[in-house]
Amino acid sequence: DQGLLPETTREAIIVPLLKPGKDPTGMGAYRPLSMLNLDYKILSKALATRLLPLMPSFIHPDQAGFIPGRNTAGNIRRLFSVMNGITSSTESPGILAVDIEKAF
């Protein structure tokens, strides 16, 4: 009644998986895999299914990754358009690229 999940749904067993071609003696050679509770997975899927139709109103149109029906082609076209605009502009140009590979 307080909107909290039971303790068992908030637990996970973490299994280290060796990355292909990596030396098994180094910690960076392993990828953690979280084995989640089945109840939690069912609840998550049900919530995701119900929220999916509402997502376009919450997620900015420029967000393309992991959104069904969207891809990066539009963002690439937008980047080329910006780059073309920069070359014809008298202002100092600047483009920032952020690589978030290690964030996950």
PDB file of N, CA and C in Angstrom:
ATOM      1  N   ASP A   1       0.808  -1.201   0.000  1.00  0.00           N
ATOM      2  CA  ASP A   1       0.000   0.000   0.000  1.00  0.00           C
ATOM      3  C   ASP A   1       0.852   1.265   0.000  1.00  0.00           C
ATOM      4  N   GLN A   2       2.167   1.135   0.193  1.00  0.00           N
ATOM      5  CA  GLN A   2       3.055   2.298   0.181  1.00  0.00           C
ATOM      6  C   GLN A   2       3.803   2.434  -1.138  1.00  0.00           C
ATOM      7  N   GLY A   3       3.528   1.561  -2.100  1.00  0.00           N
ATOM      8  CA  GLY A   3       4.195   1.637  -3.387  1.00  0.00           C
ATOM      9  C   GLY A   3       5.595   1.067  -3.390  1.00  0.00           C
ATOM     10  N   LEU A   4       5.930   0.268  -2.397  1.00  0.00           N
ATOM     11  CA  LEU A   4       7.258  -0.342  -2.330  1.00  0.00           C
ATOM     12  C   LEU A   4       7.199  -1.784  -2.804  1.00  0.00           C
ATOM     13  N   LEU A   5       8.240  -2.198  -3.491  1.00  0.00           N
ATOM     14  CA  LEU A   5       8.334  -3.591  -3.916  1.00  0.00           C
ATOM     15  C   LEU A   5       8.868  -4.438  -2.768  1.00  0.00           C
ATOM     16  N   PRO A   6       8.455  -5.693  -2.691  1.00  0.00           N
ATOM     17  CA  PRO A   6       9.017  -6.567  -1.659  1.00  0.00           C
ATOM     18  C   PRO A   6      10.528  -6.700  -1.814  1.00  0.00           C
ATOM     19  N   GLU A   7      11.200  -6.966  -0.727  1.00  0.00           N
ATOM     20  CA  GLU A   7      12.658  -7.083  -0.723  1.00  0.00           C
ATOM     21  C   GLU A   7      13.154  -8.078  -1.773  1.00  0.00           C
ATOM     22  N   THR A   8      12.443  -9.187  -1.943  1.00  0.00           N
ATOM     23  CA  THR A   8      12.899 -10.217  -2.885  1.00  0.00           C
ATOM     24  C   THR A   8      12.896  -9.739  -4.330  1.00  0.00           C
ATOM     25  N   THR A   9      12.052  -8.778  -4.677  1.00  0.00           N
ATOM     26  CA  THR A   9      12.038  -8.277  -6.054  1.00  0.00           C
ATOM     27  C   THR A   9      13.161  -7.284  -6.302  1.00  0.00           C
ATOM     28  N   ARG A  10      13.796  -6.834  -5.248  1.00  0.00           N
ATOM     29  CA  ARG A  10      14.886  -5.866  -5.392  1.00  0.00           C
ATOM     30  C   ARG A  10      16.252  -6.518  -5.242  1.00  0.00           C
ATOM     31  N   GLU A  11      16.293  -7.820  -5.319  1.00  0.00           N
ATOM     32  CA  GLU A  11      17.554  -8.543  -5.191  1.00  0.00           C
ATOM     33  C   GLU A  11      17.969  -9.097  -6.548  1.00  0.00           C
ATOM     34  N   ALA A  12      19.263  -9.272  -6.718  1.00  0.00           N
ATOM     35  CA  ALA A  12      19.793  -9.869  -7.942  1.00  0.00           C
ATOM     36  C   ALA A  12      21.017 -10.700  -7.594  1.00  0.00           C
ATOM     37  N   ILE A  13      21.216 -11.740  -8.354  1.00  0.00           N
ATOM     38  CA  ILE A  13      22.446 -12.521  -8.258  1.00  0.00           C
ATOM     39  C   ILE A  13      23.319 -12.061  -9.417  1.00  0.00           C
ATOM     40  N   ILE A  14      24.533 -11.623  -9.116  1.00  0.00           N
ATOM     41  CA  ILE A  14      25.429 -11.120 -10.149  1.00  0.00           C
ATOM     42  C   ILE A  14      26.410 -12.217 -10.530  1.00  0.00           C
ATOM     43  N   VAL A  15      26.395 -12.567 -11.814  1.00  0.00           N
ATOM     44  CA  VAL A  15      27.261 -13.616 -12.345  1.00  0.00           C
ATOM     45  C   VAL A  15      28.286 -12.955 -13.264  1.00  0.00           C
ATOM     46  N   PRO A  16      29.585 -13.129 -12.992  1.00  0.00           N
ATOM     47  CA  PRO A  16      30.600 -12.559 -13.883  1.00  0.00           C
ATOM     48  C   PRO A  16      30.773 -13.426 -15.131  1.00  0.00           C
ATOM     49  N   LEU A  17      30.653 -12.812 -16.305  1.00  0.00           N
ATOM     50  CA  LEU A  17      30.851 -13.519 -17.568  1.00  0.00           C
ATOM     51  C   LEU A  17      32.149 -13.050 -18.207  1.00  0.00           C
ATOM     52  N   LEU A  18      32.987 -13.981 -18.596  1.00  0.00           N
ATOM     53  CA  LEU A  18      34.255 -13.642 -19.240  1.00  0.00           C
ATOM     54  C   LEU A  18      33.991 -13.100 -20.640  1.00  0.00           C
ATOM     55  N   LYS A  19      34.562 -11.942 -20.956  1.00  0.00           N
ATOM     56  CA  LYS A  19      34.423 -11.361 -22.281  1.00  0.00           C
ATOM     57  C   LYS A  19      35.258 -12.183 -23.259  1.00  0.00           C
ATOM     58  N   PRO A  20      34.776 -12.362 -24.488  1.00  0.00           N
ATOM     59  CA  PRO A  20      35.513 -13.161 -25.470  1.00  0.00           C
ATOM     60  C   PRO A  20      36.907 -12.601 -25.737  1.00  0.00           C
ATOM     61  N   GLY A  21      37.888 -13.485 -25.733  1.00  0.00           N
ATOM     62  CA  GLY A  21      39.257 -13.098 -26.058  1.00  0.00           C
ATOM     63  C   GLY A  21      39.988 -12.343 -24.971  1.00  0.00           C
ATOM     64  N   LYS A  22      39.445 -12.271 -23.765  1.00  0.00           N
ATOM     65  CA  LYS A  22      40.082 -11.532 -22.669  1.00  0.00           C
ATOM     66  C   LYS A  22      40.811 -12.480 -21.731  1.00  0.00           C
ATOM     67  N   ASP A  23      41.840 -11.956 -21.077  1.00  0.00           N
ATOM     68  CA  ASP A  23      42.608 -12.714 -20.092  1.00  0.00           C
ATOM     69  C   ASP A  23      41.764 -12.874 -18.828  1.00  0.00           C
ATOM     70  N   PRO A  24      41.480 -14.108 -18.412  1.00  0.00           N
ATOM     71  CA  PRO A  24      40.598 -14.317 -17.258  1.00  0.00           C
ATOM     72  C   PRO A  24      41.180 -13.888 -15.917  1.00  0.00           C
ATOM     73  N   THR A  25      42.442 -13.476 -15.881  1.00  0.00           N
ATOM     74  CA  THR A  25      43.036 -13.072 -14.605  1.00  0.00           C
ATOM     75  C   THR A  25      42.769 -11.611 -14.268  1.00  0.00           C
ATOM     76  N   GLY A  26      42.286 -10.831 -15.216  1.00  0.00           N
ATOM     77  CA  GLY A  26      42.029  -9.407 -14.967  1.00  0.00           C
ATOM     78  C   GLY A  26      40.563  -9.135 -14.687  1.00  0.00           C
ATOM     79  N   MET A  27      40.288  -8.224 -13.768  1.00  0.00           N
ATOM     80  CA  MET A  27      38.902  -7.880 -13.417  1.00  0.00           C
ATOM     81  C   MET A  27      38.147  -7.272 -14.601  1.00  0.00           C
ATOM     82  N   GLY A  28      38.850  -6.513 -15.443  1.00  0.00           N
ATOM     83  CA  GLY A  28      38.206  -5.880 -16.592  1.00  0.00           C
ATOM     84  C   GLY A  28      37.804  -6.868 -17.673  1.00  0.00           C
ATOM     85  N   ALA A  29      38.181  -8.129 -17.509  1.00  0.00           N
ATOM     86  CA  ALA A  29      37.862  -9.155 -18.502  1.00  0.00           C
ATOM     87  C   ALA A  29      36.461  -9.718 -18.311  1.00  0.00           C
ATOM     88  N   TYR A  30      35.774  -9.272 -17.277  1.00  0.00           N
ATOM     89  CA  TYR A  30      34.466  -9.836 -16.964  1.00  0.00           C
ATOM     90  C   TYR A  30      33.359  -8.803 -17.103  1.00  0.00           C
ATOM     91  N   ARG A  31      32.215  -9.282 -17.565  1.00  0.00           N
ATOM     92  CA  ARG A  31      31.018  -8.459 -17.686  1.00  0.00           C
ATOM     93  C   ARG A  31      30.021  -8.960 -16.643  1.00  0.00           C
ATOM     94  N   PRO A  32      29.521  -8.084 -15.769  1.00  0.00           N
ATOM     95  CA  PRO A  32      28.553  -8.546 -14.766  1.00  0.00           C
ATOM     96  C   PRO A  32      27.174  -8.772 -15.393  1.00  0.00           C
ATOM     97  N   LEU A  33      26.582  -9.898 -15.091  1.00  0.00           N
ATOM     98  CA  LEU A  33      25.231 -10.212 -15.539  1.00  0.00           C
ATOM     99  C   LEU A  33      24.355 -10.343 -14.303  1.00  0.00           C
ATOM    100  N   SER A  34      23.338  -9.498 -14.209  1.00  0.00           N
ATOM    101  CA  SER A  34      22.438  -9.528 -13.053  1.00  0.00           C
ATOM    102  C   SER A  34      21.272 -10.458 -13.338  1.00  0.00           C
ATOM    103  N   MET A  35      21.143 -11.481 -12.519  1.00  0.00           N
ATOM    104  CA  MET A  35      20.032 -12.425 -12.625  1.00  0.00           C
ATOM    105  C   MET A  35      18.927 -11.909 -11.705  1.00  0.00           C
ATOM    106  N   LEU A  36      17.870 -11.360 -12.304  1.00  0.00           N
ATOM    107  CA  LEU A  36      16.802 -10.726 -11.538  1.00  0.00           C
ATOM    108  C   LEU A  36      15.686 -11.713 -11.205  1.00  0.00           C
ATOM    109  N   ASN A  37      14.935 -11.374 -10.181  1.00  0.00           N
ATOM    110  CA  ASN A  37      13.792 -12.158  -9.741  1.00  0.00           C
ATOM    111  C   ASN A  37      12.737 -12.199 -10.844  1.00  0.00           C
ATOM    112  N   LEU A  38      12.120 -13.353 -11.055  1.00  0.00           N
ATOM    113  CA  LEU A  38      11.118 -13.511 -12.108  1.00  0.00           C
ATOM    114  C   LEU A  38       9.916 -12.587 -11.895  1.00  0.00           C
ATOM    115  N   ASP A  39       9.477 -12.420 -10.653  1.00  0.00           N
ATOM    116  CA  ASP A  39       8.355 -11.511 -10.372  1.00  0.00           C
ATOM    117  C   ASP A  39       8.681 -10.093 -10.839  1.00  0.00           C
ATOM    118  N   TYR A  40       9.899  -9.661 -10.571  1.00  0.00           N
ATOM    119  CA  TYR A  40      10.335  -8.320 -10.963  1.00  0.00           C
ATOM    120  C   TYR A  40      10.352  -8.190 -12.485  1.00  0.00           C
ATOM    121  N   LYS A  41      10.842  -9.218 -13.173  1.00  0.00           N
ATOM    122  CA  LYS A  41      10.906  -9.176 -14.633  1.00  0.00           C
ATOM    123  C   LYS A  41       9.511  -9.106 -15.247  1.00  0.00           C
ATOM    124  N   ILE A  42       8.563  -9.858 -14.689  1.00  0.00           N
ATOM    125  CA  ILE A  42       7.184  -9.825 -15.190  1.00  0.00           C
ATOM    126  C   ILE A  42       6.568  -8.449 -14.955  1.00  0.00           C
ATOM    127  N   LEU A  43       6.763  -7.892 -13.766  1.00  0.00           N
ATOM    128  CA  LEU A  43       6.248  -6.558 -13.456  1.00  0.00           C
ATOM    129  C   LEU A  43       6.863  -5.508 -14.382  1.00  0.00           C
ATOM    130  N   SER A  44       8.167  -5.590 -14.613  1.00  0.00           N
ATOM    131  CA  SER A  44       8.849  -4.632 -15.490  1.00  0.00           C
ATOM    132  C   SER A  44       8.306  -4.693 -16.906  1.00  0.00           C
ATOM    133  N   LYS A  45       8.098  -5.896 -17.417  1.00  0.00           N
ATOM    134  CA  LYS A  45       7.571  -6.061 -18.775  1.00  0.00           C
ATOM    135  C   LYS A  45       6.151  -5.508 -18.874  1.00  0.00           C
ATOM    136  N   ALA A  46       5.330  -5.766 -17.859  1.00  0.00           N
ATOM    137  CA  ALA A  46       3.955  -5.255 -17.863  1.00  0.00           C
ATOM    138  C   ALA A  46       3.940  -3.728 -17.848  1.00  0.00           C
ATOM    139  N   LEU A  47       4.786  -3.128 -17.017  1.00  0.00           N
ATOM    140  CA  LEU A  47       4.860  -1.663 -16.966  1.00  0.00           C
ATOM    141  C   LEU A  47       5.368  -1.089 -18.280  1.00  0.00           C
ATOM    142  N   ALA A  48       6.401  -1.708 -18.847  1.00  0.00           N
ATOM    143  CA  ALA A  48       6.956  -1.227 -20.111  1.00  0.00           C
ATOM    144  C   ALA A  48       5.920  -1.291 -21.227  1.00  0.00           C
ATOM    145  N   THR A  49       5.153  -2.364 -21.264  1.00  0.00           N
ATOM    146  CA  THR A  49       4.119  -2.518 -22.288  1.00  0.00           C
ATOM    147  C   THR A  49       3.036  -1.449 -22.144  1.00  0.00           C
ATOM    148  N   ARG A  50       2.664  -1.148 -20.921  1.00  0.00           N
ATOM    149  CA  ARG A  50       1.620  -0.138 -20.700  1.00  0.00           C
ATOM    150  C   ARG A  50       2.124   1.278 -20.957  1.00  0.00           C
ATOM    151  N   LEU A  51       3.406   1.529 -20.684  1.00  0.00           N
ATOM    152  CA  LEU A  51       3.956   2.876 -20.853  1.00  0.00           C
ATOM    153  C   LEU A  51       4.403   3.166 -22.284  1.00  0.00           C
ATOM    154  N   LEU A  52       4.643   2.126 -23.084  1.00  0.00           N
ATOM    155  CA  LEU A  52       5.168   2.313 -24.434  1.00  0.00           C
ATOM    156  C   LEU A  52       4.358   3.299 -25.276  1.00  0.00           C
ATOM    157  N   PRO A  53       3.025   3.242 -25.291  1.00  0.00           N
ATOM    158  CA  PRO A  53       2.273   4.217 -26.098  1.00  0.00           C
ATOM    159  C   PRO A  53       2.445   5.663 -25.625  1.00  0.00           C
ATOM    160  N   LEU A  54       2.818   5.873 -24.372  1.00  0.00           N
ATOM    161  CA  LEU A  54       2.973   7.224 -23.832  1.00  0.00           C
ATOM    162  C   LEU A  54       4.376   7.791 -24.041  1.00  0.00           C
ATOM    163  N   MET A  55       5.327   6.946 -24.385  1.00  0.00           N
ATOM    164  CA  MET A  55       6.725   7.362 -24.436  1.00  0.00           C
ATOM    165  C   MET A  55       7.019   8.513 -25.393  1.00  0.00           C
ATOM    166  N   PRO A  56       6.406   8.592 -26.572  1.00  0.00           N
ATOM    167  CA  PRO A  56       6.728   9.723 -27.451  1.00  0.00           C
ATOM    168  C   PRO A  56       6.502  11.086 -26.803  1.00  0.00           C
ATOM    169  N   SER A  57       5.573  11.182 -25.866  1.00  0.00           N
ATOM    170  CA  SER A  57       5.336  12.473 -25.212  1.00  0.00           C
ATOM    171  C   SER A  57       6.358  12.750 -24.107  1.00  0.00           C
ATOM    172  N   PHE A  58       7.084  11.732 -23.652  1.00  0.00           N
ATOM    173  CA  PHE A  58       8.079  11.903 -22.592  1.00  0.00           C
ATOM    174  C   PHE A  58       9.508  11.998 -23.114  1.00  0.00           C
ATOM    175  N   ILE A  59       9.773  11.379 -24.242  1.00  0.00           N
ATOM    176  CA  ILE A  59      11.140  11.286 -24.750  1.00  0.00           C
ATOM    177  C   ILE A  59      11.308  12.249 -25.917  1.00  0.00           C
ATOM    178  N   HIS A  60      12.353  13.043 -25.862  1.00  0.00           N
ATOM    179  CA  HIS A  60      12.629  14.039 -26.895  1.00  0.00           C
ATOM    180  C   HIS A  60      12.781  13.364 -28.259  1.00  0.00           C
ATOM    181  N   PRO A  61      12.300  14.008 -29.314  1.00  0.00           N
ATOM    182  CA  PRO A  61      12.398  13.411 -30.657  1.00  0.00           C
ATOM    183  C   PRO A  61      13.835  13.113 -31.099  1.00  0.00           C
ATOM    184  N   ASP A  62      14.813  13.815 -30.533  1.00  0.00           N
ATOM    185  CA  ASP A  62      16.207  13.565 -30.901  1.00  0.00           C
ATOM    186  C   ASP A  62      16.756  12.279 -30.294  1.00  0.00           C
ATOM    187  N   GLN A  63      16.072  11.731 -29.293  1.00  0.00           N
ATOM    188  CA  GLN A  63      16.523  10.480 -28.675  1.00  0.00           C
ATOM    189  C   GLN A  63      16.144   9.332 -29.602  1.00  0.00           C
ATOM    190  N   ALA A  64      17.149   8.647 -30.147  1.00  0.00           N
ATOM    191  CA  ALA A  64      16.873   7.589 -31.113  1.00  0.00           C
ATOM    192  C   ALA A  64      17.192   6.202 -30.573  1.00  0.00           C
ATOM    193  N   GLY A  65      18.168   6.097 -29.701  1.00  0.00           N
ATOM    194  CA  GLY A  65      18.591   4.790 -29.212  1.00  0.00           C
ATOM    195  C   GLY A  65      17.562   4.122 -28.325  1.00  0.00           C
ATOM    196  N   PHE A  66      17.331   2.838 -28.572  1.00  0.00           N
ATOM    197  CA  PHE A  66      16.474   1.992 -27.744  1.00  0.00           C
ATOM    198  C   PHE A  66      15.009   2.417 -27.741  1.00  0.00           C
ATOM    199  N   ILE A  67      14.587   3.130 -28.782  1.00  0.00           N
ATOM    200  CA  ILE A  67      13.192   3.529 -28.915  1.00  0.00           C
ATOM    201  C   ILE A  67      12.632   2.832 -30.160  1.00  0.00           C
ATOM    202  N   PRO A  68      11.612   1.982 -29.997  1.00  0.00           N
ATOM    203  CA  PRO A  68      11.045   1.286 -31.164  1.00  0.00           C
ATOM    204  C   PRO A  68      10.575   2.272 -32.231  1.00  0.00           C
ATOM    205  N   GLY A  69      10.915   1.991 -33.475  1.00  0.00           N
ATOM    206  CA  GLY A  69      10.496   2.834 -34.584  1.00  0.00           C
ATOM    207  C   GLY A  69      11.415   4.012 -34.856  1.00  0.00           C
ATOM    208  N   ARG A  70      12.428   4.193 -34.051  1.00  0.00           N
ATOM    209  CA  ARG A  70      13.386   5.286 -34.271  1.00  0.00           C
ATOM    210  C   ARG A  70      14.758   4.695 -34.578  1.00  0.00           C
ATOM    211  N   ASN A  71      15.526   5.452 -35.355  1.00  0.00           N
ATOM    212  CA  ASN A  71      16.900   5.043 -35.617  1.00  0.00           C
ATOM    213  C   ASN A  71      17.770   6.283 -35.712  1.00  0.00           C
ATOM    214  N   THR A  72      19.050   6.081 -35.891  1.00  0.00           N
ATOM    215  CA  THR A  72      19.984   7.209 -35.871  1.00  0.00           C
ATOM    216  C   THR A  72      20.066   7.945 -37.203  1.00  0.00           C
ATOM    217  N   ALA A  73      19.391   7.457 -38.242  1.00  0.00           N
ATOM    218  CA  ALA A  73      19.490   8.097 -39.557  1.00  0.00           C
ATOM    219  C   ALA A  73      19.059   9.564 -39.497  1.00  0.00           C
ATOM    220  N   GLY A  74      17.987   9.858 -38.794  1.00  0.00           N
ATOM    221  CA  GLY A  74      17.531  11.245 -38.677  1.00  0.00           C
ATOM    222  C   GLY A  74      18.541  12.121 -37.964  1.00  0.00           C
ATOM    223  N   ASN A  75      19.173  11.581 -36.930  1.00  0.00           N
ATOM    224  CA  ASN A  75      20.187  12.350 -36.210  1.00  0.00           C
ATOM    225  C   ASN A  75      21.417  12.588 -37.077  1.00  0.00           C
ATOM    226  N   ILE A  76      21.776  11.611 -37.894  1.00  0.00           N
ATOM    227  CA  ILE A  76      22.927  11.782 -38.791  1.00  0.00           C
ATOM    228  C   ILE A  76      22.616  12.854 -39.830  1.00  0.00           C
ATOM    229  N   ARG A  77      21.402  12.823 -40.393  1.00  0.00           N
ATOM    230  CA  ARG A  77      21.011  13.873 -41.347  1.00  0.00           C
ATOM    231  C   ARG A  77      21.043  15.247 -40.681  1.00  0.00           C
ATOM    232  N   ARG A  78      20.570  15.324 -39.444  1.00  0.00           N
ATOM    233  CA  ARG A  78      20.568  16.590 -38.713  1.00  0.00           C
ATOM    234  C   ARG A  78      21.999  17.089 -38.494  1.00  0.00           C
ATOM    235  N   LEU A  79      22.909  16.170 -38.168  1.00  0.00           N
ATOM    236  CA  LEU A  79      24.308  16.544 -37.971  1.00  0.00           C
ATOM    237  C   LEU A  79      24.899  17.117 -39.253  1.00  0.00           C
ATOM    238  N   PHE A  80      24.649  16.460 -40.391  1.00  0.00           N
ATOM    239  CA  PHE A  80      25.166  16.978 -41.660  1.00  0.00           C
ATOM    240  C   PHE A  80      24.564  18.343 -41.979  1.00  0.00           C
ATOM    241  N   SER A  81      23.305  18.534 -41.661  1.00  0.00           N
ATOM    242  CA  SER A  81      22.664  19.822 -41.880  1.00  0.00           C
ATOM    243  C   SER A  81      23.324  20.906 -41.028  1.00  0.00           C
ATOM    244  N   VAL A  82      23.597  20.584 -39.769  1.00  0.00           N
ATOM    245  CA  VAL A  82      24.274  21.535 -38.882  1.00  0.00           C
ATOM    246  C   VAL A  82      25.671  21.835 -39.402  1.00  0.00           C
ATOM    247  N   MET A  83      26.382  20.796 -39.842  1.00  0.00           N
ATOM    248  CA  MET A  83      27.742  20.999 -40.357  1.00  0.00           C
ATOM    249  C   MET A  83      27.726  21.887 -41.595  1.00  0.00           C
ATOM    250  N   ASN A  84      26.741  21.702 -42.477  1.00  0.00           N
ATOM    251  CA  ASN A  84      26.630  22.566 -43.657  1.00  0.00           C
ATOM    252  C   ASN A  84      26.327  23.999 -43.247  1.00  0.00           C
ATOM    253  N   GLY A  85      25.488  24.178 -42.230  1.00  0.00           N
ATOM    254  CA  GLY A  85      25.178  25.512 -41.738  1.00  0.00           C
ATOM    255  C   GLY A  85      26.385  26.189 -41.117  1.00  0.00           C
ATOM    256  N   ILE A  86      27.224  25.400 -40.446  1.00  0.00           N
ATOM    257  CA  ILE A  86      28.429  25.949 -39.816  1.00  0.00           C
ATOM    258  C   ILE A  86      29.390  26.486 -40.863  1.00  0.00           C
ATOM    259  N   THR A  87      29.552  25.763 -41.963  1.00  0.00           N
ATOM    260  CA  THR A  87      30.518  26.196 -42.978  1.00  0.00           C
ATOM    261  C   THR A  87      30.094  27.497 -43.642  1.00  0.00           C
ATOM    262  N   SER A  88      28.794  27.788 -43.649  1.00  0.00           N
ATOM    263  CA  SER A  88      28.339  29.037 -44.261  1.00  0.00           C
ATOM    264  C   SER A  88      28.097  30.139 -43.230  1.00  0.00           C
ATOM    265  N   SER A  89      28.410  29.875 -41.965  1.00  0.00           N
ATOM    266  CA  SER A  89      28.162  30.835 -40.896  1.00  0.00           C
ATOM    267  C   SER A  89      29.402  31.680 -40.627  1.00  0.00           C
ATOM    268  N   THR A  90      29.178  32.894 -40.116  1.00  0.00           N
ATOM    269  CA  THR A  90      30.299  33.756 -39.741  1.00  0.00           C
ATOM    270  C   THR A  90      30.670  33.577 -38.274  1.00  0.00           C
ATOM    271  N   GLU A  91      29.877  32.816 -37.524  1.00  0.00           N
ATOM    272  CA  GLU A  91      30.160  32.578 -36.110  1.00  0.00           C
ATOM    273  C   GLU A  91      31.188  31.462 -35.952  1.00  0.00           C
ATOM    274  N   SER A  92      31.798  31.408 -34.776  1.00  0.00           N
ATOM    275  CA  SER A  92      32.755  30.342 -34.488  1.00  0.00           C
ATOM    276  C   SER A  92      31.994  29.032 -34.288  1.00  0.00           C
ATOM    277  N   PRO A  93      32.303  28.034 -35.108  1.00  0.00           N
ATOM    278  CA  PRO A  93      31.558  26.776 -35.019  1.00  0.00           C
ATOM    279  C   PRO A  93      32.021  25.899 -33.859  1.00  0.00           C
ATOM    280  N   GLY A  94      31.164  24.996 -33.458  1.00  0.00           N
ATOM    281  CA  GLY A  94      31.521  24.020 -32.434  1.00  0.00           C
ATOM    282  C   GLY A  94      30.542  22.862 -32.431  1.00  0.00           C
ATOM    283  N   ILE A  95      31.081  21.673 -32.358  1.00  0.00           N
ATOM    284  CA  ILE A  95      30.263  20.466 -32.246  1.00  0.00           C
ATOM    285  C   ILE A  95      30.841  19.649 -31.108  1.00  0.00           C
ATOM    286  N   LEU A  96      29.982  19.162 -30.237  1.00  0.00           N
ATOM    287  CA  LEU A  96      30.411  18.345 -29.108  1.00  0.00           C
ATOM    288  C   LEU A  96      29.936  16.917 -29.324  1.00  0.00           C
ATOM    289  N   ALA A  97      30.862  15.973 -29.260  1.00  0.00           N
ATOM    290  CA  ALA A  97      30.519  14.552 -29.366  1.00  0.00           C
ATOM    291  C   ALA A  97      30.853  13.896 -28.033  1.00  0.00           C
ATOM    292  N   VAL A  98      29.918  13.129 -27.505  1.00  0.00           N
ATOM    293  CA  VAL A  98      30.113  12.470 -26.220  1.00  0.00           C
ATOM    294  C   VAL A  98      30.016  10.963 -26.429  1.00  0.00           C
ATOM    295  N   ASP A  99      31.051  10.250 -26.021  1.00  0.00           N
ATOM    296  CA  ASP A  99      31.066   8.794 -26.119  1.00  0.00           C
ATOM    297  C   ASP A  99      30.747   8.236 -24.741  1.00  0.00           C
ATOM    298  N   ILE A 100      29.589   7.605 -24.599  1.00  0.00           N
ATOM    299  CA  ILE A 100      29.184   7.096 -23.289  1.00  0.00           C
ATOM    300  C   ILE A 100      29.340   5.580 -23.197  1.00  0.00           C
ATOM    301  N   GLU A 101      30.231   5.023 -23.987  1.00  0.00           N
ATOM    302  CA  GLU A 101      30.421   3.572 -24.008  1.00  0.00           C
ATOM    303  C   GLU A 101      30.697   3.011 -22.620  1.00  0.00           C
ATOM    304  N   LYS A 102      31.548   3.651 -21.847  1.00  0.00           N
ATOM    305  CA  LYS A 102      31.936   3.136 -20.533  1.00  0.00           C
ATOM    306  C   LYS A 102      30.930   3.474 -19.438  1.00  0.00           C
ATOM    307  N   ALA A 103      29.888   4.230 -19.769  1.00  0.00           N
ATOM    308  CA  ALA A 103      28.897   4.602 -18.761  1.00  0.00           C
ATOM    309  C   ALA A 103      28.043   3.415 -18.338  1.00  0.00           C
ATOM    310  N   PHE A 104      28.000   2.396 -19.157  1.00  0.00           N
ATOM    311  CA  PHE A 104      27.161   1.247 -18.855  1.00  0.00           C
ATOM    312  C   PHE A 104      28.012   0.038 -18.630  1.00  0.00           C
TER     313      PHE A 104
END
